Amino acid sequence: MVASNDPGLGHVPSVAAVCGLFCSACTFYIGTREDPARLDRMAATLRVSKEVLHCDGCRSDRRIFYCENCVMSGCARDKGYDFCGECPECPCSELEQFVAERPHRADILRDLGRIRDVGAAAWIGEARQRHSCPECGTLNSAYDLLCRSCGRDPSSPYVEEHRDAVIARLRQDAARRE
């Protein structure tokens, strides 16, 4: 697996996760790249240092602790695949469980199919559009109900489609912290 930050190089972009997640729409990636205050808030919420939250994408050397020891990444690497969707066993039970755990993973199986059909670079363009505000173009995470730049509700087509699941997860997370 060769990662690149330039989708035009023909390599697998660092923001195209092995499992089919679009790293650029991750709250930690956004915080690392352009919103340090977001990382401060997340560090306080998770009671960890801000430094452990820095992430440059699935295929980078600097990944958030959630992704450092990703079972799917290791499995794909061991089998010689760039994406889980290339494996004849996909979706495996590990991937199915991963998808079911959080709403930002809801489209992973569909996205793996799109990556297979159109390639990672074209899929990144589609994913960017699905996670961007239709009004101002700002890229938002699945948990940004309102656009983080212009305040549009919903922040993106992704949030519009998965709003109920996102809200339920945010409430569940808040209740655990209380």
N, C-alpha and C. Protein backbone atom coordinates (compact mmCIF):
# COMPACT_ATOMS: atom_id res chain seq x y z
N MET A 1 0.84 -1.17 0.00
CA MET A 1 0.00 0.00 0.00
C MET A 1 0.89 1.24 0.00
N VAL A 2 0.72 2.07 -1.00
CA VAL A 2 1.48 3.30 -1.10
C VAL A 2 0.52 4.46 -0.90
N ALA A 3 0.81 5.28 0.09
CA ALA A 3 -0.08 6.40 0.39
C ALA A 3 0.46 7.67 -0.23
N SER A 4 -0.43 8.56 -0.52
CA SER A 4 -0.07 9.86 -1.07
C SER A 4 -1.12 10.86 -0.67
N ASN A 5 -0.72 12.10 -0.49
CA ASN A 5 -1.69 13.15 -0.22
C ASN A 5 -2.27 13.71 -1.51
N ASP A 6 -1.76 13.29 -2.66
CA ASP A 6 -2.21 13.78 -3.95
C ASP A 6 -2.94 12.67 -4.68
N PRO A 7 -4.29 12.74 -4.74
CA PRO A 7 -5.04 11.68 -5.40
C PRO A 7 -4.70 11.53 -6.87
N GLY A 8 -4.11 12.53 -7.49
CA GLY A 8 -3.79 12.45 -8.90
C GLY A 8 -2.55 11.63 -9.20
N LEU A 9 -1.81 11.19 -8.21
CA LEU A 9 -0.58 10.46 -8.44
C LEU A 9 -0.81 9.00 -8.80
N GLY A 10 -2.01 8.50 -8.62
CA GLY A 10 -2.28 7.11 -8.91
C GLY A 10 -2.00 6.20 -7.72
N HIS A 11 -1.56 6.74 -6.62
CA HIS A 11 -1.36 5.98 -5.40
C HIS A 11 -2.63 6.08 -4.56
N VAL A 12 -2.68 5.31 -3.51
CA VAL A 12 -3.83 5.39 -2.62
C VAL A 12 -3.66 6.61 -1.72
N PRO A 13 -4.57 7.56 -1.78
CA PRO A 13 -4.46 8.76 -0.94
C PRO A 13 -4.51 8.43 0.55
N SER A 14 -3.77 9.18 1.35
CA SER A 14 -3.70 8.92 2.78
C SER A 14 -5.04 9.10 3.48
N VAL A 15 -5.97 9.83 2.87
CA VAL A 15 -7.27 10.07 3.49
C VAL A 15 -8.33 9.05 3.08
N ALA A 16 -7.93 8.06 2.31
CA ALA A 16 -8.83 6.98 1.92
C ALA A 16 -8.50 5.77 2.80
N ALA A 17 -9.25 5.61 3.86
CA ALA A 17 -8.97 4.55 4.82
C ALA A 17 -9.20 3.16 4.22
N VAL A 18 -8.46 2.21 4.69
CA VAL A 18 -8.55 0.82 4.25
C VAL A 18 -9.99 0.32 4.33
N CYS A 19 -10.70 0.72 5.39
CA CYS A 19 -12.06 0.25 5.64
C CYS A 19 -13.11 0.97 4.81
N GLY A 20 -12.74 2.07 4.15
CA GLY A 20 -13.69 2.83 3.36
C GLY A 20 -14.13 4.13 4.01
N LEU A 21 -13.56 4.48 5.14
CA LEU A 21 -13.86 5.79 5.73
C LEU A 21 -13.13 6.88 4.97
N PHE A 22 -13.72 8.08 4.96
CA PHE A 22 -13.13 9.26 4.36
C PHE A 22 -12.50 10.08 5.48
N CYS A 23 -11.20 9.92 5.67
CA CYS A 23 -10.49 10.53 6.80
C CYS A 23 -10.65 12.05 6.87
N SER A 24 -10.76 12.70 5.74
CA SER A 24 -10.87 14.17 5.73
C SER A 24 -12.10 14.67 6.47
N ALA A 25 -13.11 13.82 6.63
CA ALA A 25 -14.33 14.22 7.33
C ALA A 25 -14.33 13.76 8.78
N CYS A 26 -13.20 13.31 9.28
CA CYS A 26 -13.08 12.90 10.68
C CYS A 26 -12.84 14.13 11.54
N THR A 27 -13.50 14.21 12.66
CA THR A 27 -13.36 15.37 13.54
C THR A 27 -11.91 15.55 13.99
N PHE A 28 -11.18 14.47 14.17
CA PHE A 28 -9.77 14.57 14.60
C PHE A 28 -8.88 15.04 13.46
N TYR A 29 -9.16 14.57 12.26
CA TYR A 29 -8.41 15.02 11.09
C TYR A 29 -8.65 16.52 10.86
N ILE A 30 -9.90 16.93 10.94
CA ILE A 30 -10.25 18.35 10.78
C ILE A 30 -9.54 19.17 11.85
N GLY A 31 -9.56 18.69 13.08
CA GLY A 31 -8.87 19.39 14.17
C GLY A 31 -7.38 19.49 13.95
N THR A 32 -6.78 18.43 13.45
CA THR A 32 -5.34 18.41 13.19
C THR A 32 -4.98 19.39 12.08
N ARG A 33 -5.77 19.40 11.03
CA ARG A 33 -5.43 20.17 9.84
C ARG A 33 -5.82 21.64 9.90
N GLU A 34 -6.97 21.95 10.55
CA GLU A 34 -7.44 23.33 10.44
C GLU A 34 -8.19 23.89 11.64
N ASP A 35 -8.39 23.11 12.66
CA ASP A 35 -9.20 23.60 13.78
C ASP A 35 -8.63 23.11 15.11
N PRO A 36 -7.49 23.68 15.55
CA PRO A 36 -6.86 23.23 16.79
C PRO A 36 -7.77 23.34 18.01
N ALA A 37 -8.69 24.29 18.02
CA ALA A 37 -9.62 24.42 19.15
C ALA A 37 -10.51 23.18 19.25
N ARG A 38 -10.81 22.58 18.14
CA ARG A 38 -11.59 21.33 18.13
C ARG A 38 -10.83 20.24 18.88
N LEU A 39 -9.54 20.15 18.62
CA LEU A 39 -8.73 19.14 19.33
C LEU A 39 -8.66 19.44 20.82
N ASP A 40 -8.59 20.71 21.18
CA ASP A 40 -8.60 21.08 22.60
C ASP A 40 -9.89 20.59 23.27
N ARG A 41 -11.03 20.82 22.61
CA ARG A 41 -12.32 20.38 23.16
C ARG A 41 -12.39 18.86 23.26
N MET A 42 -11.92 18.18 22.23
CA MET A 42 -11.96 16.72 22.23
C MET A 42 -11.03 16.16 23.31
N ALA A 43 -9.86 16.76 23.48
CA ALA A 43 -8.93 16.30 24.51
C ALA A 43 -9.56 16.44 25.90
N ALA A 44 -10.22 17.56 26.13
CA ALA A 44 -10.88 17.78 27.42
C ALA A 44 -12.01 16.76 27.62
N THR A 45 -12.79 16.52 26.58
CA THR A 45 -13.90 15.58 26.66
C THR A 45 -13.41 14.16 26.92
N LEU A 46 -12.36 13.77 26.22
CA LEU A 46 -11.84 12.40 26.34
C LEU A 46 -10.84 12.23 27.47
N ARG A 47 -10.46 13.36 28.07
CA ARG A 47 -9.47 13.37 29.16
C ARG A 47 -8.15 12.74 28.74
N VAL A 48 -7.66 13.20 27.58
CA VAL A 48 -6.36 12.77 27.06
C VAL A 48 -5.60 14.02 26.61
N SER A 49 -4.33 13.85 26.33
CA SER A 49 -3.57 14.99 25.84
C SER A 49 -3.93 15.26 24.38
N LYS A 50 -3.86 16.51 24.01
CA LYS A 50 -4.17 16.93 22.64
C LYS A 50 -3.26 16.21 21.64
N GLU A 51 -2.03 15.95 22.03
CA GLU A 51 -1.05 15.35 21.13
C GLU A 51 -1.47 13.97 20.63
N VAL A 52 -2.15 13.19 21.47
CA VAL A 52 -2.55 11.85 21.04
C VAL A 52 -3.73 11.87 20.08
N LEU A 53 -4.32 13.05 19.88
CA LEU A 53 -5.47 13.17 18.98
C LEU A 53 -5.08 13.60 17.58
N HIS A 54 -3.84 14.02 17.37
CA HIS A 54 -3.41 14.43 16.04
C HIS A 54 -3.47 13.24 15.08
N CYS A 55 -4.01 13.48 13.88
CA CYS A 55 -4.14 12.42 12.89
C CYS A 55 -4.04 13.01 11.49
N ASP A 56 -3.26 12.35 10.65
CA ASP A 56 -3.10 12.77 9.26
C ASP A 56 -3.72 11.78 8.28
N GLY A 57 -4.55 10.88 8.78
CA GLY A 57 -5.22 9.92 7.91
C GLY A 57 -4.76 8.50 8.14
N CYS A 58 -5.57 7.58 7.71
CA CYS A 58 -5.36 6.15 7.93
C CYS A 58 -4.00 5.66 7.47
N ARG A 59 -3.53 6.15 6.37
CA ARG A 59 -2.31 5.61 5.78
C ARG A 59 -1.07 6.44 6.12
N SER A 60 -1.22 7.33 7.09
CA SER A 60 -0.11 8.19 7.48
C SER A 60 0.65 7.57 8.66
N ASP A 61 1.75 8.19 8.98
CA ASP A 61 2.53 7.74 10.14
C ASP A 61 1.96 8.28 11.44
N ARG A 62 1.14 9.32 11.37
CA ARG A 62 0.56 9.92 12.57
C ARG A 62 -0.95 9.69 12.55
N ARG A 63 -1.36 8.69 13.34
CA ARG A 63 -2.78 8.33 13.41
C ARG A 63 -3.27 8.45 14.85
N ILE A 64 -4.54 8.77 14.98
CA ILE A 64 -5.15 8.84 16.30
C ILE A 64 -5.12 7.46 16.95
N PHE A 65 -5.13 7.45 18.26
CA PHE A 65 -5.00 6.17 18.98
C PHE A 65 -6.10 5.19 18.61
N TYR A 66 -7.28 5.67 18.20
CA TYR A 66 -8.34 4.76 17.78
C TYR A 66 -7.90 3.91 16.58
N CYS A 67 -7.08 4.49 15.73
CA CYS A 67 -6.73 3.86 14.46
C CYS A 67 -5.32 3.27 14.41
N GLU A 68 -4.53 3.51 15.45
CA GLU A 68 -3.14 3.05 15.43
C GLU A 68 -2.99 1.56 15.23
N ASN A 69 -3.82 0.78 15.88
CA ASN A 69 -3.73 -0.67 15.80
C ASN A 69 -4.94 -1.28 15.11
N CYS A 70 -5.33 -0.67 14.02
CA CYS A 70 -6.52 -1.10 13.29
C CYS A 70 -6.35 -2.53 12.76
N VAL A 71 -7.27 -3.37 13.14
CA VAL A 71 -7.24 -4.77 12.72
C VAL A 71 -7.44 -4.87 11.21
N MET A 72 -8.33 -4.06 10.67
CA MET A 72 -8.62 -4.14 9.24
C MET A 72 -7.43 -3.68 8.40
N SER A 73 -6.74 -2.68 8.85
CA SER A 73 -5.55 -2.20 8.13
C SER A 73 -4.49 -3.29 8.07
N GLY A 74 -4.24 -3.92 9.19
CA GLY A 74 -3.27 -5.01 9.23
C GLY A 74 -3.69 -6.20 8.39
N CYS A 75 -4.97 -6.52 8.43
CA CYS A 75 -5.49 -7.64 7.65
C CYS A 75 -5.32 -7.38 6.15
N ALA A 76 -5.72 -6.19 5.71
CA ALA A 76 -5.60 -5.84 4.28
C ALA A 76 -4.13 -5.86 3.85
N ARG A 77 -3.28 -5.29 4.68
CA ARG A 77 -1.84 -5.28 4.37
C ARG A 77 -1.31 -6.71 4.23
N ASP A 78 -1.66 -7.57 5.19
CA ASP A 78 -1.19 -8.95 5.17
C ASP A 78 -1.68 -9.71 3.93
N LYS A 79 -2.87 -9.35 3.45
CA LYS A 79 -3.43 -10.02 2.28
C LYS A 79 -3.05 -9.34 0.97
N GLY A 80 -2.38 -8.17 1.07
CA GLY A 80 -1.95 -7.46 -0.13
C GLY A 80 -3.02 -6.59 -0.77
N TYR A 81 -4.02 -6.18 0.01
CA TYR A 81 -5.10 -5.34 -0.52
C TYR A 81 -4.93 -3.90 -0.04
N ASP A 82 -5.36 -2.96 -0.87
CA ASP A 82 -5.37 -1.56 -0.48
C ASP A 82 -6.63 -1.22 0.32
N PHE A 83 -7.72 -1.92 0.03
CA PHE A 83 -9.01 -1.68 0.69
C PHE A 83 -9.68 -3.00 1.04
N CYS A 84 -10.44 -3.00 2.10
CA CYS A 84 -11.19 -4.19 2.51
C CYS A 84 -12.08 -4.70 1.39
N GLY A 85 -12.62 -3.78 0.59
CA GLY A 85 -13.53 -4.15 -0.48
C GLY A 85 -12.91 -5.03 -1.56
N GLU A 86 -11.60 -5.12 -1.61
CA GLU A 86 -10.93 -5.98 -2.58
C GLU A 86 -10.93 -7.44 -2.13
N CYS A 87 -11.15 -7.67 -0.87
CA CYS A 87 -11.09 -9.01 -0.30
C CYS A 87 -12.37 -9.79 -0.61
N PRO A 88 -12.26 -11.04 -1.05
CA PRO A 88 -13.46 -11.83 -1.31
C PRO A 88 -14.28 -12.14 -0.04
N GLU A 89 -13.68 -11.95 1.13
CA GLU A 89 -14.39 -12.20 2.38
C GLU A 89 -15.16 -10.96 2.87
N CYS A 90 -15.06 -9.87 2.14
CA CYS A 90 -15.72 -8.62 2.54
C CYS A 90 -17.21 -8.71 2.27
N PRO A 91 -18.05 -8.33 3.20
CA PRO A 91 -17.71 -7.82 4.52
C PRO A 91 -17.50 -8.94 5.53
N CYS A 92 -16.40 -8.89 6.21
CA CYS A 92 -16.12 -9.85 7.28
C CYS A 92 -16.84 -9.41 8.55
N SER A 93 -16.86 -10.25 9.55
CA SER A 93 -17.56 -9.91 10.79
C SER A 93 -16.91 -8.71 11.48
N GLU A 94 -15.60 -8.58 11.38
CA GLU A 94 -14.89 -7.44 11.97
C GLU A 94 -15.37 -6.13 11.36
N LEU A 95 -15.47 -6.09 10.04
CA LEU A 95 -15.93 -4.88 9.34
C LEU A 95 -17.40 -4.61 9.65
N GLU A 96 -18.23 -5.63 9.65
CA GLU A 96 -19.65 -5.45 9.96
C GLU A 96 -19.85 -4.88 11.36
N GLN A 97 -19.09 -5.38 12.33
CA GLN A 97 -19.19 -4.86 13.69
C GLN A 97 -18.72 -3.41 13.74
N PHE A 98 -17.63 -3.10 13.06
CA PHE A 98 -17.08 -1.75 13.00
C PHE A 98 -18.12 -0.78 12.42
N VAL A 99 -18.78 -1.16 11.35
CA VAL A 99 -19.80 -0.32 10.72
C VAL A 99 -20.95 -0.05 11.68
N ALA A 100 -21.37 -1.08 12.42
CA ALA A 100 -22.54 -0.97 13.28
C ALA A 100 -22.30 -0.11 14.52
N GLU A 101 -21.06 0.12 14.91
CA GLU A 101 -20.77 0.80 16.17
C GLU A 101 -21.03 2.30 16.18
N ARG A 102 -20.89 2.98 15.05
CA ARG A 102 -21.00 4.45 15.03
C ARG A 102 -21.61 4.93 13.72
N PRO A 103 -22.41 6.00 13.79
CA PRO A 103 -23.10 6.47 12.58
C PRO A 103 -22.18 7.04 11.49
N HIS A 104 -20.99 7.49 11.83
CA HIS A 104 -20.12 8.01 10.77
C HIS A 104 -19.57 6.89 9.89
N ARG A 105 -19.86 5.66 10.25
CA ARG A 105 -19.42 4.51 9.48
C ARG A 105 -20.55 3.89 8.65
N ALA A 106 -21.70 4.50 8.65
CA ALA A 106 -22.90 3.91 8.05
C ALA A 106 -22.75 3.58 6.57
N ASP A 107 -21.97 4.34 5.84
CA ASP A 107 -21.86 4.16 4.39
C ASP A 107 -20.63 3.39 3.95
N ILE A 108 -19.90 2.80 4.88
CA ILE A 108 -18.63 2.15 4.55
C ILE A 108 -18.78 1.08 3.46
N LEU A 109 -19.75 0.21 3.57
CA LEU A 109 -19.88 -0.86 2.58
C LEU A 109 -20.20 -0.30 1.20
N ARG A 110 -21.07 0.69 1.15
CA ARG A 110 -21.37 1.35 -0.12
C ARG A 110 -20.12 2.04 -0.66
N ASP A 111 -19.38 2.71 0.23
CA ASP A 111 -18.19 3.42 -0.19
C ASP A 111 -17.11 2.46 -0.71
N LEU A 112 -16.96 1.32 -0.08
CA LEU A 112 -16.00 0.34 -0.59
C LEU A 112 -16.36 -0.10 -2.01
N GLY A 113 -17.65 -0.23 -2.26
CA GLY A 113 -18.11 -0.55 -3.62
C GLY A 113 -17.80 0.56 -4.60
N ARG A 114 -17.99 1.80 -4.17
CA ARG A 114 -17.67 2.95 -5.05
C ARG A 114 -16.17 3.02 -5.33
N ILE A 115 -15.36 2.77 -4.30
CA ILE A 115 -13.91 2.77 -4.51
C ILE A 115 -13.53 1.72 -5.53
N ARG A 116 -14.13 0.56 -5.44
CA ARG A 116 -13.86 -0.52 -6.39
C ARG A 116 -14.32 -0.11 -7.79
N ASP A 117 -15.47 0.56 -7.88
CA ASP A 117 -16.05 0.91 -9.18
C ASP A 117 -15.37 2.10 -9.86
N VAL A 118 -15.04 3.14 -9.08
CA VAL A 118 -14.55 4.38 -9.71
C VAL A 118 -13.12 4.72 -9.33
N GLY A 119 -12.55 4.01 -8.37
CA GLY A 119 -11.19 4.30 -7.90
C GLY A 119 -11.21 5.26 -6.73
N ALA A 120 -10.12 5.23 -5.97
CA ALA A 120 -10.04 6.02 -4.74
C ALA A 120 -10.09 7.52 -5.00
N ALA A 121 -9.41 7.99 -6.02
CA ALA A 121 -9.37 9.43 -6.28
C ALA A 121 -10.76 9.97 -6.61
N ALA A 122 -11.49 9.29 -7.47
CA ALA A 122 -12.85 9.74 -7.82
C ALA A 122 -13.78 9.63 -6.61
N TRP A 123 -13.64 8.56 -5.85
CA TRP A 123 -14.47 8.39 -4.65
C TRP A 123 -14.22 9.52 -3.66
N ILE A 124 -12.96 9.94 -3.50
CA ILE A 124 -12.66 11.04 -2.59
C ILE A 124 -13.43 12.29 -2.99
N GLY A 125 -13.51 12.56 -4.28
CA GLY A 125 -14.30 13.71 -4.74
C GLY A 125 -15.76 13.58 -4.36
N GLU A 126 -16.31 12.39 -4.51
CA GLU A 126 -17.70 12.14 -4.13
C GLU A 126 -17.90 12.29 -2.62
N ALA A 127 -16.96 11.71 -1.86
CA ALA A 127 -17.07 11.77 -0.39
C ALA A 127 -16.93 13.22 0.09
N ARG A 128 -16.05 13.97 -0.50
CA ARG A 128 -15.88 15.37 -0.13
C ARG A 128 -17.19 16.14 -0.34
N GLN A 129 -17.84 15.90 -1.46
CA GLN A 129 -19.11 16.57 -1.74
C GLN A 129 -20.18 16.14 -0.73
N ARG A 130 -20.22 14.86 -0.39
CA ARG A 130 -21.23 14.34 0.54
C ARG A 130 -21.05 14.88 1.96
N HIS A 131 -19.82 15.26 2.31
CA HIS A 131 -19.54 15.76 3.66
C HIS A 131 -19.35 17.28 3.71
N SER A 132 -19.58 17.95 2.60
CA SER A 132 -19.39 19.41 2.56
C SER A 132 -20.72 20.14 2.60
N CYS A 133 -20.68 21.33 3.16
CA CYS A 133 -21.86 22.18 3.22
C CYS A 133 -22.25 22.62 1.81
N PRO A 134 -23.50 22.38 1.41
CA PRO A 134 -23.93 22.80 0.08
C PRO A 134 -23.94 24.32 -0.09
N GLU A 135 -23.99 25.03 1.01
CA GLU A 135 -24.06 26.49 0.94
C GLU A 135 -22.68 27.14 0.83
N CYS A 136 -21.73 26.75 1.67
CA CYS A 136 -20.43 27.43 1.69
C CYS A 136 -19.26 26.53 1.28
N GLY A 137 -19.49 25.22 1.16
CA GLY A 137 -18.45 24.31 0.73
C GLY A 137 -17.52 23.79 1.81
N THR A 138 -17.74 24.18 3.07
CA THR A 138 -16.88 23.72 4.16
C THR A 138 -17.07 22.22 4.40
N LEU A 139 -15.97 21.53 4.55
CA LEU A 139 -16.00 20.11 4.87
C LEU A 139 -16.33 19.96 6.36
N ASN A 140 -17.33 19.12 6.66
CA ASN A 140 -17.79 18.91 8.03
C ASN A 140 -17.70 17.44 8.39
N SER A 141 -17.55 17.16 9.68
CA SER A 141 -17.58 15.77 10.12
C SER A 141 -19.04 15.31 10.21
N ALA A 142 -19.22 14.02 10.35
CA ALA A 142 -20.56 13.46 10.47
C ALA A 142 -21.26 13.95 11.73
N TYR A 143 -20.48 14.42 12.70
CA TYR A 143 -21.05 14.87 13.98
C TYR A 143 -21.25 16.38 14.04
N ASP A 144 -20.94 17.08 12.98
CA ASP A 144 -21.23 18.52 12.89
C ASP A 144 -22.64 18.67 12.34
N LEU A 145 -23.60 18.79 13.23
CA LEU A 145 -24.99 18.92 12.77
C LEU A 145 -25.19 20.22 12.01
N LEU A 146 -24.53 21.27 12.47
CA LEU A 146 -24.55 22.57 11.79
C LEU A 146 -23.20 22.77 11.12
N CYS A 147 -23.20 23.43 9.98
CA CYS A 147 -21.94 23.71 9.31
C CYS A 147 -21.05 24.51 10.24
N ARG A 148 -19.81 24.08 10.36
CA ARG A 148 -18.89 24.75 11.28
C ARG A 148 -18.45 26.11 10.78
N SER A 149 -18.78 26.47 9.52
CA SER A 149 -18.43 27.80 9.02
C SER A 149 -19.64 28.73 8.93
N CYS A 150 -20.69 28.28 8.27
CA CYS A 150 -21.83 29.18 8.03
C CYS A 150 -23.04 28.88 8.90
N GLY A 151 -23.02 27.74 9.64
CA GLY A 151 -24.14 27.41 10.52
C GLY A 151 -25.31 26.74 9.84
N ARG A 152 -25.20 26.41 8.55
CA ARG A 152 -26.30 25.78 7.83
C ARG A 152 -26.71 24.48 8.53
N ASP A 153 -28.02 24.24 8.54
CA ASP A 153 -28.58 23.04 9.12
C ASP A 153 -29.38 22.31 8.04
N PRO A 154 -28.97 21.11 7.70
CA PRO A 154 -27.85 20.32 8.18
C PRO A 154 -26.53 20.74 7.53
N SER A 155 -25.44 20.30 8.12
CA SER A 155 -24.12 20.72 7.66
C SER A 155 -23.71 20.12 6.33
N SER A 156 -24.32 18.98 5.98
CA SER A 156 -23.91 18.28 4.76
C SER A 156 -24.99 17.27 4.36
N PRO A 157 -24.92 16.79 3.12
CA PRO A 157 -25.85 15.73 2.72
C PRO A 157 -25.71 14.48 3.59
N TYR A 158 -24.50 14.17 4.04
CA TYR A 158 -24.30 13.00 4.91
C TYR A 158 -25.10 13.17 6.21
N VAL A 159 -24.97 14.32 6.84
CA VAL A 159 -25.69 14.57 8.09
C VAL A 159 -27.19 14.56 7.85
N GLU A 160 -27.62 15.11 6.74
CA GLU A 160 -29.05 15.10 6.42
C GLU A 160 -29.57 13.67 6.35
N GLU A 161 -28.82 12.78 5.71
CA GLU A 161 -29.24 11.39 5.56
C GLU A 161 -29.19 10.61 6.86
N HIS A 162 -28.22 10.89 7.71
CA HIS A 162 -28.00 10.09 8.92
C HIS A 162 -28.27 10.86 10.22
N ARG A 163 -28.98 11.94 10.13
CA ARG A 163 -29.20 12.85 11.26
C ARG A 163 -29.69 12.14 12.53
N ASP A 164 -30.71 11.33 12.41
CA ASP A 164 -31.29 10.68 13.59
C ASP A 164 -30.27 9.80 14.31
N ALA A 165 -29.50 9.03 13.55
CA ALA A 165 -28.48 8.16 14.15
C ALA A 165 -27.36 8.99 14.77
N VAL A 166 -26.98 10.07 14.13
CA VAL A 166 -25.92 10.94 14.67
C VAL A 166 -26.38 11.57 15.98
N ILE A 167 -27.59 12.09 16.01
CA ILE A 167 -28.12 12.72 17.23
C ILE A 167 -28.21 11.68 18.35
N ALA A 168 -28.69 10.50 18.04
CA ALA A 168 -28.79 9.45 19.05
C ALA A 168 -27.41 9.11 19.62
N ARG A 169 -26.39 9.05 18.77
CA ARG A 169 -25.04 8.74 19.25
C ARG A 169 -24.47 9.88 20.08
N LEU A 170 -24.70 11.11 19.67
CA LEU A 170 -24.22 12.26 20.45
C LEU A 170 -24.86 12.27 21.84
N ARG A 171 -26.14 11.97 21.90
CA ARG A 171 -26.83 11.91 23.20
C ARG A 171 -26.29 10.77 24.05
N GLN A 172 -26.05 9.63 23.43
CA GLN A 172 -25.50 8.48 24.15
C GLN A 172 -24.12 8.80 24.71
N ASP A 173 -23.29 9.44 23.91
CA ASP A 173 -21.94 9.81 24.36
C ASP A 173 -22.01 10.82 25.50
N ALA A 174 -22.91 11.79 25.39
CA ALA A 174 -23.06 12.81 26.44
C ALA A 174 -23.54 12.17 27.75
N ALA A 175 -24.45 11.22 27.66
CA ALA A 175 -24.96 10.55 28.86
C ALA A 175 -23.85 9.74 29.55
N ARG A 176 -22.97 9.15 28.76
CA ARG A 176 -21.85 8.38 29.35
C ARG A 176 -20.89 9.29 30.11
N ARG A 177 -20.72 10.52 29.64
CA ARG A 177 -19.79 11.44 30.27
C ARG A 177 -20.34 12.04 31.56
N GLU A 178 -21.64 12.00 31.73
CA GLU A 178 -22.27 12.61 32.93
C GLU A 178 -22.10 11.76 34.16
